[in-house]
């Protein structure tokens, strides 16, 4: 009896959800008024995938880049099907667009309510879409860990030196789409991120790198 040989067929990886993206993949977005220039109607590539650990809940942090040089990070809430884009705001700009006393109140657990009012006249044109008029603190001194690697397959490590602990604050914007996140690292470095959240329906298509 002669047996035919089975051909080895390589399985092609497909992406059907935002949280399935890997380095080298492309994601195209539809035109949305809420999305800033460089995101609305544009295609971005995945540069890296890292991981946040919020009390045992792992969240993939997907770094995206556009040919214009724009770099943003994105996380995906599967339960609400919401994508949140974050864009870092440098310290000199933070001091310009927000009041110093109001900023200090954000870091004070005893300050309530802790709010930030935007100095609209100090906001540059390229930043305007990323911010809103007013922010209110919703979380103070949260504790989390950061992994500089994709841990979707491996989960949380039992080795503390695999992750970097940090403290964070969250602020809700006066619009439905905006928020602000502040991360404070062990060495004292403080990072501010302007955030915009949109429905998953803003994605036009995905293209895998293979």
N, C-alpha and C. Protein backbone atom coordinates (compact mmCIF):
# COMPACT_ATOMS: atom_id res chain seq x y z
N UNK A 1 0.85 -1.20 0.00
CA UNK A 1 0.00 0.00 0.00
C UNK A 1 0.89 1.25 0.00
N UNK A 2 0.52 2.19 -0.78
CA UNK A 2 1.29 3.42 -0.87
C UNK A 2 0.56 4.52 -0.10
N UNK A 3 1.30 5.12 0.81
CA UNK A 3 0.71 6.20 1.63
C UNK A 3 1.16 7.56 1.09
N UNK A 4 0.23 8.44 0.88
CA UNK A 4 0.59 9.78 0.42
C UNK A 4 1.17 10.59 1.56
N UNK A 5 2.13 11.39 1.26
CA UNK A 5 2.74 12.25 2.28
C UNK A 5 1.87 13.48 2.53
N UNK A 6 1.75 13.79 3.80
CA UNK A 6 1.01 15.00 4.15
C UNK A 6 1.92 16.22 4.04
N UNK A 7 1.45 17.23 3.40
CA UNK A 7 2.24 18.45 3.27
C UNK A 7 2.25 19.21 4.59
N UNK A 8 3.40 19.74 4.90
CA UNK A 8 3.50 20.58 6.10
C UNK A 8 2.97 21.97 5.79
N UNK A 9 1.86 22.29 6.40
CA UNK A 9 1.23 23.58 6.14
C UNK A 9 1.42 24.47 7.36
N UNK A 10 2.11 25.58 7.18
CA UNK A 10 2.32 26.51 8.28
C UNK A 10 1.03 27.27 8.57
N UNK A 11 0.70 27.30 9.82
CA UNK A 11 -0.50 28.01 10.24
C UNK A 11 -0.22 29.50 10.29
N UNK A 12 -1.01 30.25 9.56
CA UNK A 12 -0.83 31.70 9.52
C UNK A 12 -1.52 32.34 10.72
N UNK A 13 -0.79 33.16 11.45
CA UNK A 13 -1.36 33.84 12.62
C UNK A 13 -2.30 34.94 12.17
N UNK A 14 -3.43 35.02 12.81
CA UNK A 14 -4.40 36.07 12.52
C UNK A 14 -4.65 36.90 13.78
N UNK A 15 -5.04 38.14 13.58
CA UNK A 15 -5.39 39.03 14.70
C UNK A 15 -6.85 39.43 14.54
N UNK A 16 -7.64 39.11 15.55
CA UNK A 16 -9.06 39.44 15.51
C UNK A 16 -9.44 40.41 16.62
N UNK A 17 -8.54 40.60 17.59
CA UNK A 17 -8.80 41.49 18.71
C UNK A 17 -7.56 42.35 18.96
N UNK A 18 -7.79 43.50 19.55
CA UNK A 18 -6.68 44.43 19.79
C UNK A 18 -5.63 43.82 20.71
N UNK A 19 -6.05 43.02 21.68
CA UNK A 19 -5.10 42.45 22.63
C UNK A 19 -4.34 41.24 22.08
N UNK A 20 -4.53 40.94 20.79
CA UNK A 20 -3.78 39.86 20.15
C UNK A 20 -2.61 40.40 19.32
N UNK A 21 -2.41 41.71 19.34
CA UNK A 21 -1.34 42.31 18.55
C UNK A 21 0.04 41.92 19.09
N UNK A 22 0.98 41.74 18.16
CA UNK A 22 2.37 41.45 18.50
C UNK A 22 3.29 42.45 17.80
N UNK A 23 4.54 42.45 18.22
CA UNK A 23 5.53 43.35 17.63
C UNK A 23 5.59 43.14 16.11
N UNK A 24 5.54 44.24 15.36
CA UNK A 24 5.59 44.18 13.91
C UNK A 24 4.24 44.23 13.24
N UNK A 25 3.16 43.96 13.99
CA UNK A 25 1.82 44.02 13.43
C UNK A 25 1.42 45.48 13.17
N UNK A 26 0.43 45.64 12.31
CA UNK A 26 -0.11 46.96 12.00
C UNK A 26 -1.57 47.03 12.41
N UNK A 27 -2.01 48.21 12.85
CA UNK A 27 -3.41 48.43 13.18
C UNK A 27 -3.84 49.75 12.57
N UNK A 28 -4.93 49.70 11.80
CA UNK A 28 -5.46 50.89 11.13
C UNK A 28 -6.71 51.37 11.86
N UNK A 29 -6.80 52.69 12.06
CA UNK A 29 -7.93 53.27 12.78
C UNK A 29 -8.84 54.06 11.83
N UNK A 30 -10.12 54.08 12.15
CA UNK A 30 -11.08 54.86 11.39
C UNK A 30 -10.94 56.34 11.76
N UNK A 31 -11.57 57.18 10.97
CA UNK A 31 -11.59 58.61 11.30
C UNK A 31 -12.56 58.82 12.47
N UNK A 32 -12.05 59.36 13.55
CA UNK A 32 -12.85 59.67 14.73
C UNK A 32 -12.43 61.04 15.24
N UNK A 33 -13.40 61.91 15.49
CA UNK A 33 -13.11 63.27 15.93
C UNK A 33 -12.35 63.29 17.24
N UNK A 34 -12.62 62.33 18.11
CA UNK A 34 -11.98 62.32 19.42
C UNK A 34 -10.50 61.95 19.33
N UNK A 35 -10.11 61.26 18.26
CA UNK A 35 -8.72 60.83 18.13
C UNK A 35 -7.84 61.97 17.63
N UNK A 36 -6.67 62.15 18.22
CA UNK A 36 -5.74 63.21 17.79
C UNK A 36 -5.14 62.92 16.42
N UNK A 37 -4.51 63.93 15.87
CA UNK A 37 -3.78 63.77 14.61
C UNK A 37 -2.68 62.72 14.79
N UNK A 38 -2.54 61.85 13.83
CA UNK A 38 -1.57 60.77 13.93
C UNK A 38 -2.22 59.45 14.31
N UNK A 39 -3.47 59.53 14.82
CA UNK A 39 -4.24 58.33 15.15
C UNK A 39 -5.49 58.22 14.27
N UNK A 40 -6.25 59.29 14.17
CA UNK A 40 -7.49 59.27 13.40
C UNK A 40 -7.22 59.00 11.92
N UNK A 41 -7.77 57.90 11.42
CA UNK A 41 -7.63 57.55 10.01
C UNK A 41 -6.24 57.07 9.63
N UNK A 42 -5.41 56.75 10.60
CA UNK A 42 -4.02 56.40 10.32
C UNK A 42 -3.72 54.94 10.67
N UNK A 43 -2.59 54.46 10.17
CA UNK A 43 -2.11 53.11 10.45
C UNK A 43 -0.83 53.20 11.27
N UNK A 44 -0.80 52.46 12.39
CA UNK A 44 0.37 52.47 13.27
C UNK A 44 0.93 51.07 13.40
N UNK A 45 2.21 51.00 13.73
CA UNK A 45 2.87 49.70 13.89
C UNK A 45 3.17 49.44 15.36
N UNK A 46 3.17 48.17 15.74
CA UNK A 46 3.45 47.78 17.11
C UNK A 46 4.96 47.69 17.31
N UNK A 47 5.48 48.50 18.23
CA UNK A 47 6.91 48.54 18.50
C UNK A 47 7.32 47.60 19.63
N UNK A 48 6.47 47.46 20.65
CA UNK A 48 6.78 46.58 21.77
C UNK A 48 5.50 46.27 22.52
N UNK A 49 5.54 45.20 23.31
CA UNK A 49 4.44 44.84 24.19
C UNK A 49 5.01 44.56 25.57
N UNK A 50 4.63 45.37 26.56
CA UNK A 50 5.08 45.18 27.93
C UNK A 50 3.86 44.92 28.82
N UNK A 51 4.06 44.84 30.12
CA UNK A 51 2.97 44.38 30.98
C UNK A 51 2.89 45.15 32.29
N UNK A 52 1.67 45.54 32.65
CA UNK A 52 1.38 46.10 33.98
C UNK A 52 0.67 45.04 34.81
N UNK A 53 1.00 45.01 36.09
CA UNK A 53 0.35 44.11 37.03
C UNK A 53 -0.35 44.95 38.09
N UNK A 54 -1.69 45.02 38.00
CA UNK A 54 -2.49 45.76 38.97
C UNK A 54 -3.17 44.75 39.89
N UNK A 55 -2.57 44.51 41.05
CA UNK A 55 -3.14 43.59 42.04
C UNK A 55 -3.46 42.23 41.43
N UNK A 56 -2.53 41.71 40.65
CA UNK A 56 -2.70 40.39 40.06
C UNK A 56 -3.40 40.39 38.71
N UNK A 57 -3.93 41.52 38.28
CA UNK A 57 -4.55 41.63 36.96
C UNK A 57 -3.52 42.15 35.98
N UNK A 58 -3.18 41.32 34.99
CA UNK A 58 -2.18 41.72 34.01
C UNK A 58 -2.82 42.50 32.87
N UNK A 59 -2.21 43.62 32.51
CA UNK A 59 -2.68 44.47 31.42
C UNK A 59 -1.53 44.68 30.44
N UNK A 60 -1.75 44.31 29.19
CA UNK A 60 -0.71 44.49 28.17
C UNK A 60 -0.62 45.95 27.77
N UNK A 61 0.60 46.47 27.75
CA UNK A 61 0.87 47.85 27.36
C UNK A 61 1.51 47.80 25.97
N UNK A 62 0.74 48.20 24.96
CA UNK A 62 1.17 48.07 23.56
C UNK A 62 1.69 49.42 23.06
N UNK A 63 2.97 49.45 22.69
CA UNK A 63 3.58 50.68 22.18
C UNK A 63 3.38 50.75 20.67
N UNK A 64 2.82 51.87 20.21
CA UNK A 64 2.53 52.06 18.79
C UNK A 64 3.29 53.26 18.25
N UNK A 65 3.67 53.20 16.99
CA UNK A 65 4.35 54.33 16.37
C UNK A 65 3.75 54.62 15.00
N UNK A 66 3.81 55.90 14.62
CA UNK A 66 3.31 56.35 13.32
C UNK A 66 4.48 56.88 12.51
N UNK A 67 4.37 56.85 11.22
CA UNK A 67 5.46 57.29 10.35
C UNK A 67 5.85 58.74 10.58
N UNK A 68 4.95 59.54 11.17
CA UNK A 68 5.23 60.95 11.45
C UNK A 68 6.18 61.11 12.63
N UNK A 69 6.39 60.01 13.37
CA UNK A 69 7.22 60.09 14.57
C UNK A 69 6.41 60.02 15.85
N UNK A 70 5.08 60.09 15.75
CA UNK A 70 4.23 59.99 16.92
C UNK A 70 4.37 58.62 17.57
N UNK A 71 4.53 58.61 18.88
CA UNK A 71 4.59 57.36 19.65
C UNK A 71 3.57 57.42 20.78
N UNK A 72 2.73 56.40 20.86
CA UNK A 72 1.73 56.32 21.92
C UNK A 72 1.71 54.90 22.48
N UNK A 73 1.16 54.79 23.66
CA UNK A 73 0.94 53.48 24.25
C UNK A 73 -0.56 53.22 24.31
N UNK A 74 -0.94 51.95 24.30
CA UNK A 74 -2.36 51.62 24.32
C UNK A 74 -2.61 50.39 25.17
N UNK A 75 -3.71 50.43 25.92
CA UNK A 75 -4.17 49.27 26.67
C UNK A 75 -5.60 48.98 26.25
N UNK A 76 -6.04 47.73 26.49
CA UNK A 76 -7.37 47.32 26.03
C UNK A 76 -8.16 46.72 27.18
N UNK A 77 -9.36 47.25 27.39
CA UNK A 77 -10.29 46.72 28.38
C UNK A 77 -11.26 45.80 27.65
N UNK A 78 -11.04 44.48 27.78
CA UNK A 78 -11.84 43.52 27.03
C UNK A 78 -13.30 43.50 27.49
N UNK A 79 -13.55 43.76 28.77
CA UNK A 79 -14.92 43.72 29.29
C UNK A 79 -15.77 44.84 28.69
N UNK A 80 -15.19 46.02 28.57
CA UNK A 80 -15.93 47.17 28.02
C UNK A 80 -15.63 47.41 26.55
N UNK A 81 -14.65 46.65 26.02
CA UNK A 81 -14.20 46.82 24.63
C UNK A 81 -13.79 48.27 24.37
N UNK A 82 -12.90 48.76 25.26
CA UNK A 82 -12.42 50.13 25.20
C UNK A 82 -10.89 50.12 25.04
N UNK A 83 -10.39 50.91 24.10
CA UNK A 83 -8.96 51.12 23.93
C UNK A 83 -8.59 52.46 24.57
N UNK A 84 -7.56 52.46 25.39
CA UNK A 84 -7.09 53.71 26.00
C UNK A 84 -5.69 54.01 25.50
N UNK A 85 -5.55 55.14 24.81
CA UNK A 85 -4.25 55.60 24.32
C UNK A 85 -3.65 56.55 25.34
N UNK A 86 -2.35 56.44 25.55
CA UNK A 86 -1.67 57.35 26.47
C UNK A 86 -0.47 57.99 25.79
N UNK A 87 -0.27 59.26 26.09
CA UNK A 87 0.81 60.04 25.48
C UNK A 87 1.51 60.82 26.59
N UNK A 88 2.80 60.63 26.72
CA UNK A 88 3.55 61.23 27.81
C UNK A 88 3.64 62.75 27.68
N UNK A 89 3.40 63.44 28.81
CA UNK A 89 3.55 64.90 28.87
C UNK A 89 4.80 65.20 29.71
N UNK A 90 5.74 65.92 29.15
CA UNK A 90 6.98 66.24 29.84
C UNK A 90 6.76 67.23 30.98
N UNK A 91 7.64 67.18 31.98
CA UNK A 91 7.49 68.03 33.17
C UNK A 91 7.37 69.52 32.87
N UNK A 92 8.21 70.09 32.00
CA UNK A 92 8.07 71.54 31.73
C UNK A 92 6.68 71.91 31.23
N UNK A 93 6.08 71.02 30.43
CA UNK A 93 4.75 71.32 29.90
C UNK A 93 3.69 71.15 30.98
N UNK A 94 3.85 70.16 31.85
CA UNK A 94 2.90 69.95 32.94
C UNK A 94 2.80 71.20 33.81
N UNK A 95 3.93 71.78 34.13
CA UNK A 95 3.96 72.98 34.97
C UNK A 95 3.30 74.17 34.27
N UNK A 96 3.37 74.19 32.94
CA UNK A 96 2.76 75.28 32.18
C UNK A 96 1.25 75.16 32.10
N UNK A 97 0.76 73.94 31.90
CA UNK A 97 -0.68 73.78 31.62
C UNK A 97 -1.52 73.53 32.87
N UNK A 98 -0.86 73.26 34.02
CA UNK A 98 -1.60 73.07 35.27
C UNK A 98 -1.02 73.94 36.39
N UNK A 99 -1.85 74.30 37.33
CA UNK A 99 -1.43 75.12 38.47
C UNK A 99 -0.60 74.29 39.44
N UNK A 100 0.47 74.88 39.96
CA UNK A 100 1.37 74.18 40.86
C UNK A 100 0.71 73.70 42.14
N UNK A 101 -0.14 74.54 42.75
CA UNK A 101 -0.82 74.16 43.99
C UNK A 101 -1.80 73.01 43.75
N UNK A 102 -2.48 73.06 42.61
CA UNK A 102 -3.42 71.98 42.28
C UNK A 102 -2.67 70.68 42.03
N UNK A 103 -1.51 70.77 41.40
CA UNK A 103 -0.70 69.58 41.19
C UNK A 103 -0.27 68.96 42.51
N UNK A 104 0.11 69.80 43.45
CA UNK A 104 0.53 69.31 44.77
C UNK A 104 -0.60 68.58 45.48
N UNK A 105 -1.83 69.05 45.31
CA UNK A 105 -2.97 68.42 45.97
C UNK A 105 -3.23 67.01 45.46
N UNK A 106 -2.84 66.75 44.20
CA UNK A 106 -3.05 65.42 43.63
C UNK A 106 -2.26 64.37 44.38
N UNK A 107 -1.09 64.74 44.90
CA UNK A 107 -0.22 63.79 45.59
C UNK A 107 -0.50 63.72 47.09
N UNK A 108 -1.45 64.51 47.56
CA UNK A 108 -1.79 64.54 48.99
C UNK A 108 -3.03 63.68 49.23
N UNK A 109 -2.89 62.54 49.92
CA UNK A 109 -4.04 61.65 50.16
C UNK A 109 -5.17 62.32 50.93
N UNK A 110 -4.82 63.33 51.72
CA UNK A 110 -5.83 64.00 52.54
C UNK A 110 -6.56 65.12 51.81
N UNK A 111 -6.13 65.40 50.60
CA UNK A 111 -6.76 66.47 49.82
C UNK A 111 -7.97 65.92 49.06
N UNK A 112 -9.14 66.50 49.34
CA UNK A 112 -10.36 66.04 48.67
C UNK A 112 -11.36 67.19 48.57
N UNK A 113 -11.91 67.46 47.37
CA UNK A 113 -11.54 66.79 46.12
C UNK A 113 -10.21 67.34 45.58
N UNK A 114 -9.47 66.49 44.90
CA UNK A 114 -8.23 66.92 44.28
C UNK A 114 -8.49 67.09 42.79
N UNK A 115 -8.35 68.32 42.31
CA UNK A 115 -8.70 68.61 40.92
C UNK A 115 -7.57 69.36 40.21
N UNK A 116 -7.57 69.23 38.90
CA UNK A 116 -6.66 69.99 38.04
C UNK A 116 -7.49 70.71 36.99
N UNK A 117 -7.31 72.01 36.92
CA UNK A 117 -7.98 72.81 35.89
C UNK A 117 -6.95 73.19 34.83
N UNK A 118 -7.28 72.93 33.60
CA UNK A 118 -6.36 73.17 32.49
C UNK A 118 -6.22 74.66 32.20
N UNK A 119 -4.98 75.10 32.00
CA UNK A 119 -4.73 76.45 31.51
C UNK A 119 -4.76 76.39 29.98
N UNK A 120 -5.92 76.56 29.42
CA UNK A 120 -6.12 76.35 27.98
C UNK A 120 -5.20 77.19 27.12
N UNK A 121 -4.91 78.42 27.56
CA UNK A 121 -4.09 79.31 26.75
C UNK A 121 -2.63 78.87 26.69
N UNK A 122 -2.25 77.90 27.56
CA UNK A 122 -0.86 77.43 27.57
C UNK A 122 -0.69 76.10 26.83
N UNK A 123 -1.78 75.58 26.28
CA UNK A 123 -1.74 74.28 25.60
C UNK A 123 -1.35 74.46 24.14
N UNK A 124 -0.35 73.72 23.69
CA UNK A 124 0.08 73.80 22.30
C UNK A 124 -0.94 73.13 21.38
N UNK A 125 -0.91 73.48 20.11
CA UNK A 125 -1.88 72.97 19.15
C UNK A 125 -1.83 71.45 19.02
N UNK A 126 -0.62 70.89 19.08
CA UNK A 126 -0.50 69.44 18.92
C UNK A 126 -0.91 68.68 20.18
N UNK A 127 -1.07 69.38 21.29
CA UNK A 127 -1.48 68.74 22.54
C UNK A 127 -2.98 68.92 22.81
N UNK A 128 -3.59 69.85 22.13
CA UNK A 128 -4.96 70.25 22.44
C UNK A 128 -5.94 69.09 22.46
N UNK A 129 -5.84 68.18 21.49
CA UNK A 129 -6.79 67.06 21.42
C UNK A 129 -6.59 66.05 22.54
N UNK A 130 -5.43 66.08 23.18
CA UNK A 130 -5.11 65.09 24.20
C UNK A 130 -5.61 65.44 25.60
N UNK A 131 -6.04 66.69 25.79
CA UNK A 131 -6.42 67.13 27.14
C UNK A 131 -7.83 67.72 27.15
N UNK A 132 -8.39 67.83 28.37
CA UNK A 132 -9.70 68.45 28.52
C UNK A 132 -9.63 69.50 29.63
N UNK A 133 -10.73 70.18 29.90
CA UNK A 133 -10.71 71.36 30.76
C UNK A 133 -10.45 71.06 32.23
N UNK A 134 -10.88 69.91 32.72
CA UNK A 134 -10.81 69.67 34.17
C UNK A 134 -10.62 68.18 34.45
N UNK A 135 -9.81 67.88 35.47
CA UNK A 135 -9.58 66.50 35.90
C UNK A 135 -9.84 66.37 37.40
N UNK A 136 -10.42 65.25 37.80
CA UNK A 136 -10.68 64.98 39.22
C UNK A 136 -10.03 63.65 39.60
N UNK A 137 -9.29 63.66 40.69
CA UNK A 137 -8.60 62.43 41.11
C UNK A 137 -9.61 61.36 41.54
N UNK A 138 -9.44 60.15 41.01
CA UNK A 138 -10.31 59.03 41.36
C UNK A 138 -9.56 57.93 42.11
N UNK A 139 -8.24 57.94 42.06
CA UNK A 139 -7.44 56.95 42.78
C UNK A 139 -6.14 57.61 43.23
N UNK A 140 -5.76 57.36 44.49
CA UNK A 140 -4.55 57.96 45.04
C UNK A 140 -3.64 56.87 45.59
N UNK A 141 -2.40 56.91 45.19
CA UNK A 141 -1.36 56.02 45.68
C UNK A 141 -1.69 54.54 45.49
N UNK A 142 -2.12 54.20 44.28
CA UNK A 142 -2.30 52.79 43.95
C UNK A 142 -0.93 52.12 43.81
N UNK A 143 -0.87 50.82 44.08
CA UNK A 143 0.39 50.09 43.99
C UNK A 143 0.32 49.09 42.83
N UNK A 144 1.38 49.05 42.02
CA UNK A 144 1.39 48.15 40.88
C UNK A 144 2.83 47.76 40.53
N UNK A 145 2.96 46.89 39.53
CA UNK A 145 4.27 46.42 39.08
C UNK A 145 4.32 46.50 37.56
N UNK A 146 5.53 46.68 37.05
CA UNK A 146 5.72 46.79 35.60
C UNK A 146 6.75 45.76 35.14
N UNK A 147 6.41 45.04 34.07
CA UNK A 147 7.32 44.09 33.43
C UNK A 147 7.70 44.62 32.05
N UNK A 148 8.98 44.73 31.78
CA UNK A 148 9.42 45.21 30.47
C UNK A 148 9.48 44.04 29.48
N UNK A 149 8.36 43.31 29.40
CA UNK A 149 8.24 42.18 28.48
C UNK A 149 6.77 41.79 28.37
N UNK A 150 6.49 41.02 27.34
CA UNK A 150 5.14 40.53 27.09
C UNK A 150 4.92 39.28 27.95
N UNK A 151 3.97 39.33 28.88
CA UNK A 151 3.73 38.20 29.78
C UNK A 151 2.35 37.58 29.57
N UNK A 152 1.79 37.71 28.38
CA UNK A 152 0.48 37.13 28.11
C UNK A 152 0.50 35.60 28.18
N UNK A 153 1.63 35.02 27.85
CA UNK A 153 1.73 33.56 27.87
C UNK A 153 2.25 33.04 29.20
N UNK A 154 3.18 33.77 29.83
CA UNK A 154 3.85 33.26 31.03
C UNK A 154 3.20 33.67 32.34
N UNK A 155 2.39 34.72 32.34
CA UNK A 155 1.74 35.16 33.57
C UNK A 155 2.70 35.89 34.50
N UNK A 156 2.33 35.98 35.77
CA UNK A 156 3.10 36.71 36.77
C UNK A 156 4.28 35.86 37.23
N UNK A 157 5.44 36.47 37.32
CA UNK A 157 6.63 35.77 37.77
C UNK A 157 6.66 35.68 39.29
N UNK A 158 7.26 34.62 39.80
CA UNK A 158 7.41 34.46 41.24
C UNK A 158 8.66 35.16 41.75
N UNK A 159 9.44 35.72 40.83
CA UNK A 159 10.68 36.40 41.19
C UNK A 159 10.45 37.90 41.19
N UNK A 160 10.65 38.53 42.33
CA UNK A 160 10.38 39.95 42.46
C UNK A 160 11.25 40.80 41.53
N UNK A 161 12.49 40.32 41.23
CA UNK A 161 13.38 41.14 40.43
C UNK A 161 12.99 41.17 38.97
N UNK A 162 11.96 40.41 38.57
CA UNK A 162 11.47 40.45 37.20
C UNK A 162 10.60 41.67 36.93
N UNK A 163 10.14 42.31 37.99
CA UNK A 163 9.22 43.44 37.83
C UNK A 163 9.74 44.67 38.55
N UNK A 164 9.18 45.82 38.18
CA UNK A 164 9.54 47.08 38.82
C UNK A 164 8.30 47.66 39.49
N UNK A 165 8.32 47.83 40.83
CA UNK A 165 7.15 48.39 41.52
C UNK A 165 7.03 49.89 41.30
N UNK A 166 5.82 50.39 41.33
CA UNK A 166 5.60 51.83 41.23
C UNK A 166 4.27 52.18 41.89
N UNK A 167 4.11 53.47 42.17
CA UNK A 167 2.87 54.01 42.71
C UNK A 167 2.20 54.84 41.63
N UNK A 168 0.87 54.81 41.59
CA UNK A 168 0.19 55.57 40.55
C UNK A 168 -1.06 56.28 41.07
N UNK A 169 -1.41 57.35 40.37
CA UNK A 169 -2.62 58.12 40.64
C UNK A 169 -3.44 58.16 39.35
N UNK A 170 -4.75 58.16 39.47
CA UNK A 170 -5.62 58.24 38.30
C UNK A 170 -6.58 59.41 38.44
N UNK A 171 -6.78 60.13 37.32
CA UNK A 171 -7.70 61.27 37.31
C UNK A 171 -8.66 61.12 36.13
N UNK A 172 -9.92 61.40 36.40
CA UNK A 172 -10.96 61.33 35.38
C UNK A 172 -11.20 62.71 34.79
N UNK A 173 -11.27 62.78 33.46
CA UNK A 173 -11.48 64.06 32.80
C UNK A 173 -12.92 64.49 32.77
N UNK A 174 -13.15 65.78 32.51
CA UNK A 174 -14.51 66.31 32.45
C UNK A 174 -15.23 65.89 31.17
N UNK A 175 -14.51 65.36 30.19
CA UNK A 175 -15.14 64.81 29.00
C UNK A 175 -15.26 63.30 29.16
N UNK A 176 -16.02 62.67 28.29
CA UNK A 176 -16.23 61.22 28.38
C UNK A 176 -15.00 60.43 27.95
N UNK A 177 -14.08 61.06 27.26
CA UNK A 177 -12.97 60.33 26.64
C UNK A 177 -11.62 60.55 27.31
N UNK A 178 -11.46 61.61 28.08
CA UNK A 178 -10.13 61.97 28.59
C UNK A 178 -9.90 61.53 30.04
N UNK A 179 -8.65 61.24 30.31
CA UNK A 179 -8.21 60.93 31.68
C UNK A 179 -6.73 61.27 31.79
N UNK A 180 -6.21 61.15 32.99
CA UNK A 180 -4.80 61.45 33.25
C UNK A 180 -4.26 60.41 34.22
N UNK A 181 -3.07 59.91 33.93
CA UNK A 181 -2.43 58.92 34.80
C UNK A 181 -1.06 59.43 35.20
N UNK A 182 -0.70 59.22 36.48
CA UNK A 182 0.60 59.65 36.99
C UNK A 182 1.29 58.44 37.61
N UNK A 183 2.52 58.17 37.17
CA UNK A 183 3.28 57.03 37.69
C UNK A 183 4.52 57.53 38.41
N UNK A 184 4.74 57.04 39.63
CA UNK A 184 5.89 57.43 40.44
C UNK A 184 6.74 56.19 40.70
N UNK A 185 7.98 56.23 40.24
CA UNK A 185 8.86 55.07 40.31
C UNK A 185 9.75 55.12 41.54
N UNK A 186 10.41 54.01 41.83
CA UNK A 186 11.21 53.89 43.05
C UNK A 186 12.31 54.94 43.15
N UNK A 187 12.85 55.35 42.01
CA UNK A 187 13.93 56.33 42.03
C UNK A 187 13.41 57.76 42.13
N UNK A 188 12.09 57.91 42.25
CA UNK A 188 11.49 59.23 42.40
C UNK A 188 11.02 59.84 41.09
N UNK A 189 11.35 59.22 39.96
CA UNK A 189 10.90 59.76 38.67
C UNK A 189 9.38 59.72 38.58
N UNK A 190 8.80 60.83 38.18
CA UNK A 190 7.35 60.95 38.06
C UNK A 190 6.98 61.21 36.60
N UNK A 191 6.08 60.40 36.07
CA UNK A 191 5.68 60.51 34.67
C UNK A 191 4.18 60.78 34.57
N UNK A 192 3.82 61.73 33.70
CA UNK A 192 2.44 62.10 33.47
C UNK A 192 2.01 61.63 32.08
N UNK A 193 0.81 61.04 32.00
CA UNK A 193 0.30 60.55 30.73
C UNK A 193 -1.10 61.07 30.48
N UNK A 194 -1.27 61.80 29.36
CA UNK A 194 -2.60 62.20 28.92
C UNK A 194 -3.21 61.00 28.21
N UNK A 195 -4.49 60.71 28.51
CA UNK A 195 -5.12 59.50 27.98
C UNK A 195 -6.42 59.83 27.25
N UNK A 196 -6.68 59.05 26.20
CA UNK A 196 -7.93 59.14 25.46
C UNK A 196 -8.48 57.73 25.28
N UNK A 197 -9.74 57.53 25.64
CA UNK A 197 -10.37 56.22 25.53
C UNK A 197 -11.44 56.23 24.45
N UNK A 198 -11.42 55.20 23.60
CA UNK A 198 -12.40 55.08 22.52
C UNK A 198 -12.89 53.64 22.42
N UNK A 199 -14.01 53.47 21.77
CA UNK A 199 -14.55 52.13 21.56
C UNK A 199 -13.67 51.33 20.61
N UNK A 200 -13.68 50.03 20.78
CA UNK A 200 -12.94 49.14 19.89
C UNK A 200 -13.38 49.29 18.44
N UNK A 201 -14.58 49.80 18.23
CA UNK A 201 -15.10 49.98 16.86
C UNK A 201 -14.27 51.02 16.09
N UNK A 202 -13.39 51.74 16.76
CA UNK A 202 -12.53 52.70 16.08
C UNK A 202 -11.48 52.03 15.24
N UNK A 203 -11.26 50.72 15.45
CA UNK A 203 -10.28 49.98 14.65
C UNK A 203 -10.87 49.62 13.29
N UNK A 204 -10.13 49.94 12.25
CA UNK A 204 -10.55 49.62 10.89
C UNK A 204 -10.13 48.20 10.52
N UNK A 205 -8.86 47.87 10.79
CA UNK A 205 -8.35 46.55 10.42
C UNK A 205 -7.02 46.26 11.10
N UNK A 206 -6.62 44.99 11.06
CA UNK A 206 -5.32 44.55 11.57
C UNK A 206 -4.55 43.87 10.45
N UNK A 207 -3.23 43.98 10.51
CA UNK A 207 -2.39 43.28 9.56
C UNK A 207 -1.22 42.67 10.32
N UNK A 208 -1.09 41.36 10.26
CA UNK A 208 -0.04 40.69 11.02
C UNK A 208 1.30 40.75 10.30
N UNK A 209 2.36 40.61 11.09
CA UNK A 209 3.70 40.61 10.53
C UNK A 209 4.10 39.23 10.05
N UNK A 210 3.24 38.23 10.25
CA UNK A 210 3.53 36.87 9.79
C UNK A 210 3.34 35.86 10.90
